[in-house]
């Protein structure tokens, strides 16, 4: 997943902006039962999360220290629910289409 994925869903990024956004984001290794993947932009403190339930959410102003603690948490889904999901402003960016054979 890339940050550009979320922006493209809303048609807000040009091709050059998309390339710039892809470079700025760092993919996080946080795949869990609930989360497929995530990306974090240090400059804007923006966290993008792609859920296994087929949608993407953008979380604003998430400190890097919170993201770092999430990455090493023994219970990442619980940490996400308690320390990120309900504490930072978010918005749903889009819904992925499920594969035809699912």
C-alpha atoms as a PDB file:
ATOM      1  CA  UNK A   1       0.000   0.000   0.000  1.00  0.00           C
ATOM      2  CA  UNK A   2       1.195   3.513  -0.583  1.00  0.00           C
ATOM      3  CA  UNK A   3       0.083   6.879   0.707  1.00  0.00           C
ATOM      4  CA  UNK A   4      -0.728   7.654  -2.907  1.00  0.00           C
ATOM      5  CA  UNK A   5      -3.335   4.877  -2.809  1.00  0.00           C
ATOM      6  CA  UNK A   6      -5.401   6.869  -0.329  1.00  0.00           C
ATOM      7  CA  UNK A   7      -4.954  10.177  -2.139  1.00  0.00           C
ATOM      8  CA  UNK A   8      -5.784   8.569  -5.485  1.00  0.00           C
ATOM      9  CA  UNK A   9      -8.984   7.171  -3.999  1.00  0.00           C
ATOM     10  CA  UNK A  10     -10.144  10.701  -3.487  1.00  0.00           C
ATOM     11  CA  UNK A  11      -8.671  12.011  -6.748  1.00  0.00           C
ATOM     12  CA  UNK A  12      -6.648  14.661  -4.940  1.00  0.00           C
ATOM     13  CA  UNK A  13      -3.120  13.869  -6.145  1.00  0.00           C
ATOM     14  CA  UNK A  14      -1.455  14.625  -9.455  1.00  0.00           C
ATOM     15  CA  UNK A  15       1.053  12.144 -10.896  1.00  0.00           C
ATOM     16  CA  UNK A  16       4.039  14.124  -9.537  1.00  0.00           C
ATOM     17  CA  UNK A  17       2.400  14.537  -6.123  1.00  0.00           C
ATOM     18  CA  UNK A  18       1.717  10.810  -6.074  1.00  0.00           C
ATOM     19  CA  UNK A  19       5.388  10.044  -6.690  1.00  0.00           C
ATOM     20  CA  UNK A  20       6.457  12.496  -3.976  1.00  0.00           C
ATOM     21  CA  UNK A  21       3.989  11.021  -1.494  1.00  0.00           C
ATOM     22  CA  UNK A  22       5.156   7.479  -2.162  1.00  0.00           C
ATOM     23  CA  UNK A  23       8.732   8.480  -1.339  1.00  0.00           C
ATOM     24  CA  UNK A  24       7.747  10.292   1.864  1.00  0.00           C
ATOM     25  CA  UNK A  25       5.882   7.347   3.390  1.00  0.00           C
ATOM     26  CA  UNK A  26       7.558   4.448   5.174  1.00  0.00           C
ATOM     27  CA  UNK A  27       5.840   1.071   5.198  1.00  0.00           C
ATOM     28  CA  UNK A  28       5.469  -0.431   8.657  1.00  0.00           C
ATOM     29  CA  UNK A  29       5.680  -4.113   9.472  1.00  0.00           C
ATOM     30  CA  UNK A  30       2.511  -4.363  11.574  1.00  0.00           C
ATOM     31  CA  UNK A  31       0.386  -6.956   9.800  1.00  0.00           C
ATOM     32  CA  UNK A  32      -2.054  -8.386  12.355  1.00  0.00           C
ATOM     33  CA  UNK A  33      -5.404 -10.172  12.471  1.00  0.00           C
ATOM     34  CA  UNK A  34      -7.137  -6.808  11.996  1.00  0.00           C
ATOM     35  CA  UNK A  35      -4.610  -4.819   9.928  1.00  0.00           C
ATOM     36  CA  UNK A  36      -3.246  -5.727   6.520  1.00  0.00           C
ATOM     37  CA  UNK A  37      -0.583  -3.007   6.348  1.00  0.00           C
ATOM     38  CA  UNK A  38       0.303   0.504   7.437  1.00  0.00           C
ATOM     39  CA  UNK A  39       2.436   3.433   6.352  1.00  0.00           C
ATOM     40  CA  UNK A  40       3.684   6.426   8.313  1.00  0.00           C
ATOM     41  CA  UNK A  41       4.883   9.855   7.192  1.00  0.00           C
ATOM     42  CA  UNK A  42       7.170  11.463   9.781  1.00  0.00           C
ATOM     43  CA  UNK A  43       6.942  14.935   8.241  1.00  0.00           C
ATOM     44  CA  UNK A  44       3.165  15.182   8.522  1.00  0.00           C
ATOM     45  CA  UNK A  45       2.722  12.639  11.370  1.00  0.00           C
ATOM     46  CA  UNK A  46       0.148  10.900   9.167  1.00  0.00           C
ATOM     47  CA  UNK A  47      -0.588   7.213   9.598  1.00  0.00           C
ATOM     48  CA  UNK A  48      -2.375   5.234   6.884  1.00  0.00           C
ATOM     49  CA  UNK A  49      -3.831   1.878   7.864  1.00  0.00           C
ATOM     50  CA  UNK A  50      -5.245  -0.680   5.454  1.00  0.00           C
ATOM     51  CA  UNK A  51      -7.552  -3.028   7.331  1.00  0.00           C
ATOM     52  CA  UNK A  52      -8.259  -6.635   6.426  1.00  0.00           C
ATOM     53  CA  UNK A  53     -11.940  -5.587   6.360  1.00  0.00           C
ATOM     54  CA  UNK A  54     -11.140  -3.937   3.013  1.00  0.00           C
ATOM     55  CA  UNK A  55     -10.939  -0.256   3.898  1.00  0.00           C
ATOM     56  CA  UNK A  56      -8.221   2.358   4.421  1.00  0.00           C
ATOM     57  CA  UNK A  57      -8.154   5.002   7.160  1.00  0.00           C
ATOM     58  CA  UNK A  58      -5.901   8.027   7.566  1.00  0.00           C
ATOM     59  CA  UNK A  59      -4.964   9.102  11.107  1.00  0.00           C
ATOM     60  CA  UNK A  60      -3.682  12.645  11.671  1.00  0.00           C
ATOM     61  CA  UNK A  61      -1.031  13.976  14.039  1.00  0.00           C
ATOM     62  CA  UNK A  62       0.116  10.603  15.340  1.00  0.00           C
ATOM     63  CA  UNK A  63       3.472  11.054  17.130  1.00  0.00           C
ATOM     64  CA  UNK A  64       6.331   8.890  15.937  1.00  0.00           C
ATOM     65  CA  UNK A  65       6.779   7.620  19.496  1.00  0.00           C
ATOM     66  CA  UNK A  66       3.255   6.143  19.413  1.00  0.00           C
ATOM     67  CA  UNK A  67       3.889   4.463  16.053  1.00  0.00           C
ATOM     68  CA  UNK A  68       7.202   3.049  17.325  1.00  0.00           C
ATOM     69  CA  UNK A  69       5.533   1.659  20.460  1.00  0.00           C
ATOM     70  CA  UNK A  70       2.799   0.105  18.298  1.00  0.00           C
ATOM     71  CA  UNK A  71       5.374  -1.653  16.117  1.00  0.00           C
ATOM     72  CA  UNK A  72       6.970  -3.429  19.084  1.00  0.00           C
ATOM     73  CA  UNK A  73       3.794  -4.056  21.053  1.00  0.00           C
ATOM     74  CA  UNK A  74       3.093  -7.628  22.164  1.00  0.00           C
ATOM     75  CA  UNK A  75      -0.603  -7.084  21.318  1.00  0.00           C
ATOM     76  CA  UNK A  76      -0.608  -4.738  18.279  1.00  0.00           C
ATOM     77  CA  UNK A  77      -4.365  -4.943  17.620  1.00  0.00           C
ATOM     78  CA  UNK A  78      -5.154  -4.001  21.230  1.00  0.00           C
ATOM     79  CA  UNK A  79      -2.538  -1.253  21.180  1.00  0.00           C
ATOM     80  CA  UNK A  80      -4.014   0.142  17.959  1.00  0.00           C
ATOM     81  CA  UNK A  81      -7.558   0.127  19.366  1.00  0.00           C
ATOM     82  CA  UNK A  82      -6.586   1.715  22.679  1.00  0.00           C
ATOM     83  CA  UNK A  83      -3.764   4.101  21.759  1.00  0.00           C
ATOM     84  CA  UNK A  84      -4.429   5.111  18.135  1.00  0.00           C
ATOM     85  CA  UNK A  85      -7.888   4.388  16.731  1.00  0.00           C
ATOM     86  CA  UNK A  86      -9.874   6.244  19.376  1.00  0.00           C
ATOM     87  CA  UNK A  87      -7.315   8.956  20.192  1.00  0.00           C
ATOM     88  CA  UNK A  88      -6.414  10.530  16.856  1.00  0.00           C
ATOM     89  CA  UNK A  89      -8.571  12.214  14.246  1.00  0.00           C
ATOM     90  CA  UNK A  90      -9.226   9.881  11.345  1.00  0.00           C
ATOM     91  CA  UNK A  91     -11.146   9.551   8.145  1.00  0.00           C
ATOM     92  CA  UNK A  92     -11.959   6.671   5.869  1.00  0.00           C
ATOM     93  CA  UNK A  93     -10.279   7.088   2.499  1.00  0.00           C
ATOM     94  CA  UNK A  94     -11.856   4.265   0.601  1.00  0.00           C
ATOM     95  CA  UNK A  95     -12.886   0.701   0.250  1.00  0.00           C
ATOM     96  CA  UNK A  96     -10.808  -1.866  -1.610  1.00  0.00           C
ATOM     97  CA  UNK A  97     -12.623  -4.293  -3.855  1.00  0.00           C
ATOM     98  CA  UNK A  98     -12.564  -7.867  -2.648  1.00  0.00           C
ATOM     99  CA  UNK A  99     -11.023 -10.418  -4.958  1.00  0.00           C
ATOM    100  CA  UNK A 100     -13.555 -12.188  -7.159  1.00  0.00           C
ATOM    101  CA  UNK A 101     -12.792 -15.589  -5.668  1.00  0.00           C
ATOM    102  CA  UNK A 102     -13.276 -14.555  -2.013  1.00  0.00           C
END
